[in-house]
PDB file of N, CA and C in Angstrom:
ATOM      1  N   UNK A   1     -12.769 -14.981  22.686  1.00  0.00           N
ATOM      2  CA  UNK A   1     -12.969 -13.671  23.385  1.00  0.00           C
ATOM      3  C   UNK A   1     -14.010 -13.923  24.457  1.00  0.00           C
ATOM      4  N   UNK A   2     -13.756 -13.432  25.652  1.00  0.00           N
ATOM      5  CA  UNK A   2     -14.714 -13.606  26.757  1.00  0.00           C
ATOM      6  C   UNK A   2     -15.969 -12.763  26.484  1.00  0.00           C
ATOM      7  N   UNK A   3     -17.047 -13.152  27.167  1.00  0.00           N
ATOM      8  CA  UNK A   3     -18.322 -12.412  26.959  1.00  0.00           C
ATOM      9  C   UNK A   3     -18.155 -10.936  27.421  1.00  0.00           C
ATOM     10  N   UNK A   4     -17.452 -10.754  28.501  1.00  0.00           N
ATOM     11  CA  UNK A   4     -17.260  -9.386  29.017  1.00  0.00           C
ATOM     12  C   UNK A   4     -16.455  -8.577  28.012  1.00  0.00           C
ATOM     13  N   UNK A   5     -15.324  -9.092  27.543  1.00  0.00           N
ATOM     14  CA  UNK A   5     -14.545  -8.438  26.603  1.00  0.00           C
ATOM     15  C   UNK A   5     -15.278  -8.147  25.306  1.00  0.00           C
ATOM     16  N   UNK A   6     -16.027  -9.139  24.853  1.00  0.00           N
ATOM     17  CA  UNK A   6     -16.816  -8.976  23.651  1.00  0.00           C
ATOM     18  C   UNK A   6     -17.869  -7.857  23.822  1.00  0.00           C
ATOM     19  N   UNK A   7     -18.473  -7.824  24.970  1.00  0.00           N
ATOM     20  CA  UNK A   7     -19.480  -6.757  25.241  1.00  0.00           C
ATOM     21  C   UNK A   7     -18.871  -5.376  25.245  1.00  0.00           C
ATOM     22  N   UNK A   8     -17.710  -5.281  25.869  1.00  0.00           N
ATOM     23  CA  UNK A   8     -16.965  -4.003  25.937  1.00  0.00           C
ATOM     24  C   UNK A   8     -16.583  -3.531  24.498  1.00  0.00           C
ATOM     25  N   UNK A   9     -16.003  -4.420  23.712  1.00  0.00           N
ATOM     26  CA  UNK A   9     -15.587  -4.063  22.349  1.00  0.00           C
ATOM     27  C   UNK A   9     -16.832  -3.729  21.513  1.00  0.00           C
ATOM     28  N   UNK A  10     -17.885  -4.479  21.711  1.00  0.00           N
ATOM     29  CA  UNK A  10     -19.108  -4.222  20.868  1.00  0.00           C
ATOM     30  C   UNK A  10     -19.707  -2.863  21.227  1.00  0.00           C
ATOM     31  N   UNK A  11     -19.742  -2.545  22.555  1.00  0.00           N
ATOM     32  CA  UNK A  11     -20.308  -1.286  22.980  1.00  0.00           C
ATOM     33  C   UNK A  11     -19.494  -0.106  22.439  1.00  0.00           C
ATOM     34  N   UNK A  12     -18.190  -0.180  22.584  1.00  0.00           N
ATOM     35  CA  UNK A  12     -17.321   0.923  22.117  1.00  0.00           C
ATOM     36  C   UNK A  12     -17.417   1.053  20.592  1.00  0.00           C
ATOM     37  N   UNK A  13     -17.406  -0.078  19.923  1.00  0.00           N
ATOM     38  CA  UNK A  13     -17.492  -0.089  18.455  1.00  0.00           C
ATOM     39  C   UNK A  13     -18.796   0.495  17.981  1.00  0.00           C
ATOM     40  N   UNK A  14     -19.887   0.146  18.661  1.00  0.00           N
ATOM     41  CA  UNK A  14     -21.210   0.599  18.246  1.00  0.00           C
ATOM     42  C   UNK A  14     -21.338   2.089  18.449  1.00  0.00           C
ATOM     43  N   UNK A  15     -20.781   2.603  19.531  1.00  0.00           N
ATOM     44  CA  UNK A  15     -20.837   4.042  19.791  1.00  0.00           C
ATOM     45  C   UNK A  15     -20.107   4.824  18.726  1.00  0.00           C
ATOM     46  N   UNK A  16     -18.866   4.414  18.438  1.00  0.00           N
ATOM     47  CA  UNK A  16     -18.103   5.089  17.402  1.00  0.00           C
ATOM     48  C   UNK A  16     -18.704   4.984  16.043  1.00  0.00           C
ATOM     49  N   UNK A  17     -19.191   3.757  15.724  1.00  0.00           N
ATOM     50  CA  UNK A  17     -19.853   3.531  14.414  1.00  0.00           C
ATOM     51  C   UNK A  17     -21.066   4.419  14.310  1.00  0.00           C
ATOM     52  N   UNK A  18     -21.825   4.528  15.396  1.00  0.00           N
ATOM     53  CA  UNK A  18     -23.043   5.388  15.354  1.00  0.00           C
ATOM     54  C   UNK A  18     -22.732   6.862  15.140  1.00  0.00           C
ATOM     55  N   UNK A  19     -21.626   7.359  15.754  1.00  0.00           N
ATOM     56  CA  UNK A  19     -21.194   8.752  15.592  1.00  0.00           C
ATOM     57  C   UNK A  19     -20.841   8.947  14.116  1.00  0.00           C
ATOM     58  N   UNK A  20     -20.078   8.026  13.528  1.00  0.00           N
ATOM     59  CA  UNK A  20     -19.658   8.185  12.152  1.00  0.00           C
ATOM     60  C   UNK A  20     -20.854   8.150  11.224  1.00  0.00           C
ATOM     61  N   UNK A  21     -21.794   7.231  11.482  1.00  0.00           N
ATOM     62  CA  UNK A  21     -22.973   7.184  10.635  1.00  0.00           C
ATOM     63  C   UNK A  21     -23.794   8.438  10.710  1.00  0.00           C
ATOM     64  N   UNK A  22     -23.965   9.016  11.925  1.00  0.00           N
ATOM     65  CA  UNK A  22     -24.712  10.224  12.013  1.00  0.00           C
ATOM     66  C   UNK A  22     -24.022  11.396  11.305  1.00  0.00           C
ATOM     67  N   UNK A  23     -22.702  11.450  11.426  1.00  0.00           N
ATOM     68  CA  UNK A  23     -21.967  12.527  10.687  1.00  0.00           C
ATOM     69  C   UNK A  23     -22.178  12.385   9.178  1.00  0.00           C
ATOM     70  N   UNK A  24     -22.115  11.166   8.626  1.00  0.00           N
ATOM     71  CA  UNK A  24     -22.324  10.952   7.257  1.00  0.00           C
ATOM     72  C   UNK A  24     -23.721  11.261   6.838  1.00  0.00           C
ATOM     73  N   UNK A  25     -24.722  10.889   7.644  1.00  0.00           N
ATOM     74  CA  UNK A  25     -26.081  11.181   7.355  1.00  0.00           C
ATOM     75  C   UNK A  25     -26.362  12.679   7.334  1.00  0.00           C
ATOM     76  N   UNK A  26     -25.722  13.398   8.294  1.00  0.00           N
ATOM     77  CA  UNK A  26     -25.883  14.899   8.259  1.00  0.00           C
ATOM     78  C   UNK A  26     -25.235  15.495   7.028  1.00  0.00           C
ATOM     79  N   UNK A  27     -24.079  14.960   6.643  1.00  0.00           N
ATOM     80  CA  UNK A  27     -23.376  15.536   5.468  1.00  0.00           C
ATOM     81  C   UNK A  27     -24.213  15.201   4.231  1.00  0.00           C
ATOM     82  N   UNK A  28     -24.800  14.033   4.162  1.00  0.00           N
ATOM     83  CA  UNK A  28     -25.645  13.706   3.012  1.00  0.00           C
ATOM     84  C   UNK A  28     -26.888  14.581   2.926  1.00  0.00           C
ATOM     85  N   UNK A  29     -27.454  14.874   4.076  1.00  0.00           N
ATOM     86  CA  UNK A  29     -28.618  15.781   4.122  1.00  0.00           C
ATOM     87  C   UNK A  29     -28.285  17.189   3.659  1.00  0.00           C
ATOM     88  N   UNK A  30     -27.113  17.675   4.063  1.00  0.00           N
ATOM     89  CA  UNK A  30     -26.683  18.992   3.616  1.00  0.00           C
ATOM     90  C   UNK A  30     -26.434  18.935   2.127  1.00  0.00           C
ATOM     91  N   UNK A  31     -25.845  17.871   1.671  1.00  0.00           N
ATOM     92  CA  UNK A  31     -25.581  17.703   0.171  1.00  0.00           C
ATOM     93  C   UNK A  31     -26.931  17.733  -0.568  1.00  0.00           C
ATOM     94  N   UNK A  32     -27.949  17.095  -0.083  1.00  0.00           N
ATOM     95  CA  UNK A  32     -29.220  17.068  -0.776  1.00  0.00           C
ATOM     96  C   UNK A  32     -29.792  18.465  -0.858  1.00  0.00           C
ATOM     97  N   UNK A  33     -29.686  19.204   0.241  1.00  0.00           N
ATOM     98  CA  UNK A  33     -30.190  20.580   0.249  1.00  0.00           C
ATOM     99  C   UNK A  33     -29.416  21.444  -0.753  1.00  0.00           C
ATOM    100  N   UNK A  34     -28.097  21.252  -0.790  1.00  0.00           N
ATOM    101  CA  UNK A  34     -27.309  22.021  -1.692  1.00  0.00           C
ATOM    102  C   UNK A  34     -27.602  21.664  -3.137  1.00  0.00           C
ATOM    103  N   UNK A  35     -27.757  20.404  -3.455  1.00  0.00           N
ATOM    104  CA  UNK A  35     -28.065  19.948  -4.830  1.00  0.00           C
ATOM    105  C   UNK A  35     -29.472  20.351  -5.196  1.00  0.00           C
ATOM    106  N   UNK A  36     -30.392  20.393  -4.248  1.00  0.00           N
ATOM    107  CA  UNK A  36     -31.774  20.754  -4.528  1.00  0.00           C
ATOM    108  C   UNK A  36     -32.023  22.223  -4.723  1.00  0.00           C
ATOM    109  N   UNK A  37     -30.997  23.021  -4.314  1.00  0.00           N
ATOM    110  CA  UNK A  37     -31.200  24.480  -4.418  1.00  0.00           C
ATOM    111  C   UNK A  37     -30.893  24.974  -5.821  1.00  0.00           C
ATOM    112  N   UNK A  38     -30.878  26.237  -6.010  1.00  0.00           N
ATOM    113  CA  UNK A  38     -30.664  26.824  -7.304  1.00  0.00           C
ATOM    114  C   UNK A  38     -29.340  27.533  -7.362  1.00  0.00           C
ATOM    115  N   UNK A  39     -28.306  26.735  -6.999  1.00  0.00           N
ATOM    116  CA  UNK A  39     -26.928  27.365  -6.915  1.00  0.00           C
ATOM    117  C   UNK A  39     -26.227  27.291  -8.244  1.00  0.00           C
ATOM    118  N   UNK A  40     -26.721  26.557  -9.196  1.00  0.00           N
ATOM    119  CA  UNK A  40     -26.101  26.478 -10.491  1.00  0.00           C
ATOM    120  C   UNK A  40     -24.901  25.538 -10.548  1.00  0.00           C
ATOM    121  N   UNK A  41     -24.020  25.815 -11.495  1.00  0.00           N
ATOM    122  CA  UNK A  41     -22.857  24.925 -11.735  1.00  0.00           C
ATOM    123  C   UNK A  41     -21.917  24.849 -10.562  1.00  0.00           C
ATOM    124  N   UNK A  42     -21.687  25.968  -9.887  1.00  0.00           N
ATOM    125  CA  UNK A  42     -20.760  26.012  -8.763  1.00  0.00           C
ATOM    126  C   UNK A  42     -21.300  25.127  -7.642  1.00  0.00           C
ATOM    127  N   UNK A  43     -22.594  25.191  -7.421  1.00  0.00           N
ATOM    128  CA  UNK A  43     -23.171  24.380  -6.321  1.00  0.00           C
ATOM    129  C   UNK A  43     -23.099  22.898  -6.674  1.00  0.00           C
ATOM    130  N   UNK A  44     -23.312  22.616  -7.991  1.00  0.00           N
ATOM    131  CA  UNK A  44     -23.184  21.204  -8.410  1.00  0.00           C
ATOM    132  C   UNK A  44     -21.808  20.681  -8.303  1.00  0.00           C
ATOM    133  N   UNK A  45     -20.823  21.507  -8.619  1.00  0.00           N
ATOM    134  CA  UNK A  45     -19.431  21.102  -8.507  1.00  0.00           C
ATOM    135  C   UNK A  45     -19.054  20.857  -7.048  1.00  0.00           C
ATOM    136  N   UNK A  46     -19.506  21.698  -6.149  1.00  0.00           N
ATOM    137  CA  UNK A  46     -19.274  21.570  -4.744  1.00  0.00           C
ATOM    138  C   UNK A  46     -19.899  20.233  -4.271  1.00  0.00           C
ATOM    139  N   UNK A  47     -21.180  20.038  -4.676  1.00  0.00           N
ATOM    140  CA  UNK A  47     -21.901  18.842  -4.283  1.00  0.00           C
ATOM    141  C   UNK A  47     -21.145  17.591  -4.787  1.00  0.00           C
ATOM    142  N   UNK A  48     -20.620  17.648  -5.947  1.00  0.00           N
ATOM    143  CA  UNK A  48     -19.869  16.483  -6.489  1.00  0.00           C
ATOM    144  C   UNK A  48     -18.655  16.188  -5.645  1.00  0.00           C
ATOM    145  N   UNK A  49     -17.946  17.250  -5.246  1.00  0.00           N
ATOM    146  CA  UNK A  49     -16.743  17.061  -4.375  1.00  0.00           C
ATOM    147  C   UNK A  49     -17.134  16.470  -3.024  1.00  0.00           C
ATOM    148  N   UNK A  50     -18.295  16.958  -2.503  1.00  0.00           N
ATOM    149  CA  UNK A  50     -18.702  16.474  -1.231  1.00  0.00           C
ATOM    150  C   UNK A  50     -19.134  14.954  -1.354  1.00  0.00           C
ATOM    151  N   UNK A  51     -19.785  14.646  -2.383  1.00  0.00           N
ATOM    152  CA  UNK A  51     -20.213  13.222  -2.607  1.00  0.00           C
ATOM    153  C   UNK A  51     -18.935  12.357  -2.649  1.00  0.00           C
ATOM    154  N   UNK A  52     -17.935  12.828  -3.379  1.00  0.00           N
ATOM    155  CA  UNK A  52     -16.686  12.043  -3.515  1.00  0.00           C
ATOM    156  C   UNK A  52     -16.040  11.891  -2.128  1.00  0.00           C
ATOM    157  N   UNK A  53     -16.003  12.984  -1.310  1.00  0.00           N
ATOM    158  CA  UNK A  53     -15.414  12.930   0.023  1.00  0.00           C
ATOM    159  C   UNK A  53     -16.210  11.980   0.904  1.00  0.00           C
ATOM    160  N   UNK A  54     -17.471  11.988   0.830  1.00  0.00           N
ATOM    161  CA  UNK A  54     -18.326  11.066   1.635  1.00  0.00           C
ATOM    162  C   UNK A  54     -18.038   9.611   1.243  1.00  0.00           C
ATOM    163  N   UNK A  55     -18.026   9.368  -0.035  1.00  0.00           N
ATOM    164  CA  UNK A  55     -17.743   7.991  -0.474  1.00  0.00           C
ATOM    165  C   UNK A  55     -16.343   7.509  -0.033  1.00  0.00           C
ATOM    166  N   UNK A  56     -15.343   8.362  -0.130  1.00  0.00           N
ATOM    167  CA  UNK A  56     -14.028   8.059   0.290  1.00  0.00           C
ATOM    168  C   UNK A  56     -13.966   7.809   1.843  1.00  0.00           C
ATOM    169  N   UNK A  57     -14.723   8.645   2.542  1.00  0.00           N
ATOM    170  CA  UNK A  57     -14.803   8.498   4.011  1.00  0.00           C
ATOM    171  C   UNK A  57     -15.402   7.142   4.431  1.00  0.00           C
ATOM    172  N   UNK A  58     -16.473   6.764   3.741  1.00  0.00           N
ATOM    173  CA  UNK A  58     -17.091   5.496   4.001  1.00  0.00           C
ATOM    174  C   UNK A  58     -16.158   4.330   3.743  1.00  0.00           C
ATOM    175  N   UNK A  59     -15.439   4.440   2.630  1.00  0.00           N
ATOM    176  CA  UNK A  59     -14.456   3.324   2.285  1.00  0.00           C
ATOM    177  C   UNK A  59     -13.337   3.284   3.309  1.00  0.00           C
ATOM    178  N   UNK A  60     -12.772   4.444   3.663  1.00  0.00           N
ATOM    179  CA  UNK A  60     -11.690   4.436   4.653  1.00  0.00           C
ATOM    180  C   UNK A  60     -12.188   3.926   6.020  1.00  0.00           C
ATOM    181  N   UNK A  61     -13.366   4.315   6.437  1.00  0.00           N
ATOM    182  CA  UNK A  61     -13.904   3.882   7.708  1.00  0.00           C
ATOM    183  C   UNK A  61     -14.065   2.352   7.708  1.00  0.00           C
ATOM    184  N   UNK A  62     -14.582   1.803   6.592  1.00  0.00           N
ATOM    185  CA  UNK A  62     -14.749   0.366   6.509  1.00  0.00           C
ATOM    186  C   UNK A  62     -13.383  -0.339   6.526  1.00  0.00           C
ATOM    187  N   UNK A  63     -12.367   0.194   5.851  1.00  0.00           N
ATOM    188  CA  UNK A  63     -11.010  -0.353   5.909  1.00  0.00           C
ATOM    189  C   UNK A  63     -10.420  -0.296   7.324  1.00  0.00           C
ATOM    190  N   UNK A  64     -10.586   0.801   7.978  1.00  0.00           N
ATOM    191  CA  UNK A  64     -10.074   0.930   9.350  1.00  0.00           C
ATOM    192  C   UNK A  64     -10.779  -0.009  10.300  1.00  0.00           C
ATOM    193  N   UNK A  65     -12.090  -0.120  10.174  1.00  0.00           N
ATOM    194  CA  UNK A  65     -12.874  -1.055  10.993  1.00  0.00           C
ATOM    195  C   UNK A  65     -12.370  -2.489  10.837  1.00  0.00           C
ATOM    196  N   UNK A  66     -12.135  -2.887   9.606  1.00  0.00           N
ATOM    197  CA  UNK A  66     -11.663  -4.231   9.322  1.00  0.00           C
ATOM    198  C   UNK A  66     -10.227  -4.425   9.883  1.00  0.00           C
ATOM    199  N   UNK A  67      -9.387  -3.451   9.708  1.00  0.00           N
ATOM    200  CA  UNK A  67      -7.991  -3.485  10.237  1.00  0.00           C
ATOM    201  C   UNK A  67      -7.992  -3.652  11.750  1.00  0.00           C
ATOM    202  N   UNK A  68      -8.779  -2.840  12.396  1.00  0.00           N
ATOM    203  CA  UNK A  68      -8.860  -2.873  13.913  1.00  0.00           C
ATOM    204  C   UNK A  68      -9.424  -4.256  14.330  1.00  0.00           C
ATOM    205  N   UNK A  69     -10.471  -4.693  13.630  1.00  0.00           N
ATOM    206  CA  UNK A  69     -11.135  -5.978  13.977  1.00  0.00           C
ATOM    207  C   UNK A  69     -10.067  -7.105  13.851  1.00  0.00           C
ATOM    208  N   UNK A  70      -9.283  -7.086  12.803  1.00  0.00           N
ATOM    209  CA  UNK A  70      -8.235  -8.100  12.608  1.00  0.00           C
ATOM    210  C   UNK A  70      -7.152  -8.004  13.728  1.00  0.00           C
ATOM    211  N   UNK A  71      -6.826  -6.776  14.049  1.00  0.00           N
ATOM    212  CA  UNK A  71      -5.818  -6.565  15.113  1.00  0.00           C
ATOM    213  C   UNK A  71      -6.301  -7.086  16.480  1.00  0.00           C
ATOM    214  N   UNK A  72      -7.500  -6.776  16.789  1.00  0.00           N
ATOM    215  CA  UNK A  72      -8.128  -7.306  18.040  1.00  0.00           C
ATOM    216  C   UNK A  72      -8.118  -8.780  18.025  1.00  0.00           C
ATOM    217  N   UNK A  73      -8.556  -9.382  16.938  1.00  0.00           N
ATOM    218  CA  UNK A  73      -8.615 -10.868  16.851  1.00  0.00           C
ATOM    219  C   UNK A  73      -7.250 -11.451  17.069  1.00  0.00           C
ATOM    220  N   UNK A  74      -6.230 -10.938  16.373  1.00  0.00           N
ATOM    221  CA  UNK A  74      -4.845 -11.415  16.460  1.00  0.00           C
ATOM    222  C   UNK A  74      -4.330 -11.255  17.908  1.00  0.00           C
ATOM    223  N   UNK A  75      -4.585 -10.144  18.543  1.00  0.00           N
ATOM    224  CA  UNK A  75      -4.140  -9.892  19.869  1.00  0.00           C
ATOM    225  C   UNK A  75      -4.782 -10.896  20.870  1.00  0.00           C
ATOM    226  N   UNK A  76      -6.057 -11.051  20.731  1.00  0.00           N
ATOM    227  CA  UNK A  76      -6.744 -12.003  21.643  1.00  0.00           C
ATOM    228  C   UNK A  76      -6.289 -13.444  21.426  1.00  0.00           C
ATOM    229  N   UNK A  77      -5.981 -13.827  20.182  1.00  0.00           N
ATOM    230  CA  UNK A  77      -5.496 -15.172  19.896  1.00  0.00           C
ATOM    231  C   UNK A  77      -4.108 -15.353  20.522  1.00  0.00           C
ATOM    232  N   UNK A  78      -3.246 -14.339  20.380  1.00  0.00           N
ATOM    233  CA  UNK A  78      -1.878 -14.433  20.976  1.00  0.00           C
ATOM    234  C   UNK A  78      -1.984 -14.485  22.470  1.00  0.00           C
ATOM    235  N   UNK A  79      -2.853 -13.764  23.094  1.00  0.00           N
ATOM    236  CA  UNK A  79      -2.991 -13.760  24.594  1.00  0.00           C
ATOM    237  C   UNK A  79      -3.500 -15.154  24.992  1.00  0.00           C
ATOM    238  N   UNK A  80      -4.429 -15.744  24.278  1.00  0.00           N
ATOM    239  CA  UNK A  80      -4.936 -17.083  24.649  1.00  0.00           C
ATOM    240  C   UNK A  80      -3.867 -18.141  24.481  1.00  0.00           C
ATOM    241  N   UNK A  81      -3.049 -18.027  23.445  1.00  0.00           N
ATOM    242  CA  UNK A  81      -1.991 -18.989  23.175  1.00  0.00           C
ATOM    243  C   UNK A  81      -0.840 -18.843  24.126  1.00  0.00           C
ATOM    244  N   UNK A  82      -0.505 -17.637  24.536  1.00  0.00           N
ATOM    245  CA  UNK A  82       0.675 -17.414  25.406  1.00  0.00           C
ATOM    246  C   UNK A  82       0.317 -16.459  26.528  1.00  0.00           C
ATOM    247  N   UNK A  83      -0.503 -16.890  27.497  1.00  0.00           N
ATOM    248  CA  UNK A  83      -0.938 -15.968  28.525  1.00  0.00           C
ATOM    249  C   UNK A  83       0.181 -15.395  29.388  1.00  0.00           C
ATOM    250  N   UNK A  84       1.164 -16.232  29.797  1.00  0.00           N
ATOM    251  CA  UNK A  84       2.225 -15.767  30.656  1.00  0.00           C
ATOM    252  C   UNK A  84       3.161 -14.787  29.903  1.00  0.00           C
ATOM    253  N   UNK A  85       3.338 -15.015  28.650  1.00  0.00           N
ATOM    254  CA  UNK A  85       4.166 -14.097  27.901  1.00  0.00           C
ATOM    255  C   UNK A  85       3.478 -12.765  27.809  1.00  0.00           C
ATOM    256  N   UNK A  86       2.127 -12.800  27.633  1.00  0.00           N
ATOM    257  CA  UNK A  86       1.364 -11.560  27.589  1.00  0.00           C
ATOM    258  C   UNK A  86       1.414 -10.796  28.885  1.00  0.00           C
ATOM    259  N   UNK A  87       1.351 -11.546  30.005  1.00  0.00           N
ATOM    260  CA  UNK A  87       1.475 -10.881  31.360  1.00  0.00           C
ATOM    261  C   UNK A  87       2.830 -10.251  31.485  1.00  0.00           C
ATOM    262  N   UNK A  88       3.856 -10.965  31.013  1.00  0.00           N
ATOM    263  CA  UNK A  88       5.220 -10.416  31.190  1.00  0.00           C
ATOM    264  C   UNK A  88       5.436  -9.184  30.362  1.00  0.00           C
ATOM    265  N   UNK A  89       4.909  -9.183  29.151  1.00  0.00           N
ATOM    266  CA  UNK A  89       5.051  -8.002  28.229  1.00  0.00           C
ATOM    267  C   UNK A  89       4.269  -6.833  28.858  1.00  0.00           C
ATOM    268  N   UNK A  90       3.058  -7.064  29.367  1.00  0.00           N
ATOM    269  CA  UNK A  90       2.279  -6.037  29.981  1.00  0.00           C
ATOM    270  C   UNK A  90       2.978  -5.482  31.255  1.00  0.00           C
ATOM    271  N   UNK A  91       3.586  -6.341  32.046  1.00  0.00           N
ATOM    272  CA  UNK A  91       4.282  -5.891  33.241  1.00  0.00           C
ATOM    273  C   UNK A  91       5.530  -5.035  32.856  1.00  0.00           C
ATOM    274  N   UNK A  92       6.277  -5.501  31.862  1.00  0.00           N
ATOM    275  CA  UNK A  92       7.432  -4.754  31.410  1.00  0.00           C
ATOM    276  C   UNK A  92       7.018  -3.404  30.863  1.00  0.00           C
ATOM    277  N   UNK A  93       5.970  -3.369  30.104  1.00  0.00           N
ATOM    278  CA  UNK A  93       5.499  -2.074  29.555  1.00  0.00           C
ATOM    279  C   UNK A  93       5.082  -1.110  30.708  1.00  0.00           C
ATOM    280  N   UNK A  94       4.356  -1.655  31.671  1.00  0.00           N
ATOM    281  CA  UNK A  94       3.950  -0.882  32.820  1.00  0.00           C
ATOM    282  C   UNK A  94       5.141  -0.306  33.635  1.00  0.00           C
ATOM    283  N   UNK A  95       6.120  -1.185  33.839  1.00  0.00           N
ATOM    284  CA  UNK A  95       7.307  -0.800  34.537  1.00  0.00           C
ATOM    285  C   UNK A  95       8.044   0.329  33.764  1.00  0.00           C
ATOM    286  N   UNK A  96       8.194   0.116  32.489  1.00  0.00           N
ATOM    287  CA  UNK A  96       8.861   1.145  31.636  1.00  0.00           C
ATOM    288  C   UNK A  96       8.149   2.468  31.633  1.00  0.00           C
ATOM    289  N   UNK A  97       6.847   2.461  31.515  1.00  0.00           N
ATOM    290  CA  UNK A  97       6.088   3.684  31.548  1.00  0.00           C
ATOM    291  C   UNK A  97       6.160   4.363  32.889  1.00  0.00           C
ATOM    292  N   UNK A  98       6.083   3.534  33.944  1.00  0.00           N
ATOM    293  CA  UNK A  98       6.242   4.043  35.318  1.00  0.00           C
ATOM    294  C   UNK A  98       7.619   4.766  35.527  1.00  0.00           C
ATOM    295  N   UNK A  99       8.661   4.120  35.079  1.00  0.00           N
ATOM    296  CA  UNK A  99       9.994   4.685  35.199  1.00  0.00           C
ATOM    297  C   UNK A  99      10.098   5.994  34.423  1.00  0.00           C
ATOM    298  N   UNK A 100       9.565   5.989  33.186  1.00  0.00           N
ATOM    299  CA  UNK A 100       9.598   7.193  32.363  1.00  0.00           C
ATOM    300  C   UNK A 100       8.857   8.336  33.026  1.00  0.00           C
ATOM    301  N   UNK A 101       7.696   8.054  33.594  1.00  0.00           N
ATOM    302  CA  UNK A 101       6.905   9.081  34.293  1.00  0.00           C
ATOM    303  C   UNK A 101       7.701   9.582  35.506  1.00  0.00           C
ATOM    304  N   UNK A 102       8.311   8.679  36.217  1.00  0.00           N
ATOM    305  CA  UNK A 102       9.127   9.066  37.380  1.00  0.00           C
ATOM    306  C   UNK A 102      10.276   9.925  36.989  1.00  0.00           C
ATOM    307  N   UNK A 103      10.944   9.611  35.936  1.00  0.00           N
ATOM    308  CA  UNK A 103      12.123  10.449  35.465  1.00  0.00           C
ATOM    309  C   UNK A 103      11.606  11.808  35.026  1.00  0.00           C
ATOM    310  N   UNK A 104      10.531  11.824  34.278  1.00  0.00           N
ATOM    311  CA  UNK A 104      10.006  13.125  33.800  1.00  0.00           C
ATOM    312  C   UNK A 104       9.512  14.003  34.920  1.00  0.00           C
ATOM    313  N   UNK A 105       8.916  13.415  35.947  1.00  0.00           N
ATOM    314  CA  UNK A 105       8.385  14.204  37.052  1.00  0.00           C
ATOM    315  C   UNK A 105       9.564  14.759  37.911  1.00  0.00           C
ATOM    316  N   UNK A 106      10.665  14.141  37.925  1.00  0.00           N
ATOM    317  CA  UNK A 106      11.874  14.645  38.682  1.00  0.00           C
ATOM    318  C   UNK A 106      12.505  15.823  37.929  1.00  0.00           C
ATOM    319  N   UNK A 107      12.413  15.753  36.610  1.00  0.00           N
ATOM    320  CA  UNK A 107      12.989  16.811  35.780  1.00  0.00           C
ATOM    321  C   UNK A 107      12.347  18.159  36.074  1.00  0.00           C
ATOM    322  N   UNK A 108      11.065  18.125  36.314  1.00  0.00           N
ATOM    323  CA  UNK A 108      10.324  19.373  36.528  1.00  0.00           C
ATOM    324  C   UNK A 108      10.621  20.024  37.848  1.00  0.00           C
ATOM    325  N   UNK A 109      11.237  19.281  38.805  1.00  0.00           N
ATOM    326  CA  UNK A 109      11.517  19.890  40.132  1.00  0.00           C
ATOM    327  C   UNK A 109      12.686  20.796  40.114  1.00  0.00           C
TER     328      UNK A 109
END
């Protein structure tokens, strides 16, 4: 991976990771307030559900992060091994999208 590409991926990943972490921190703070209050059994049941949802969210986020990381690695490896094939696929995709946009824009007239 080039330094520029690595920097771009790292910056985007860090921003999204930070947003997710802030959301989880906020949810955990709310959970602590709820559990610390005098809401009784209902509040404790809700707090338990929230804890479960937070844990599931953390696990899913870690799985998605790993899946995307593997996908990026595989894509970069393929591009490095077959640069001209990658250029051809990108050109064909661009041409296809351009033709589709052109056809759709004529339909509206």
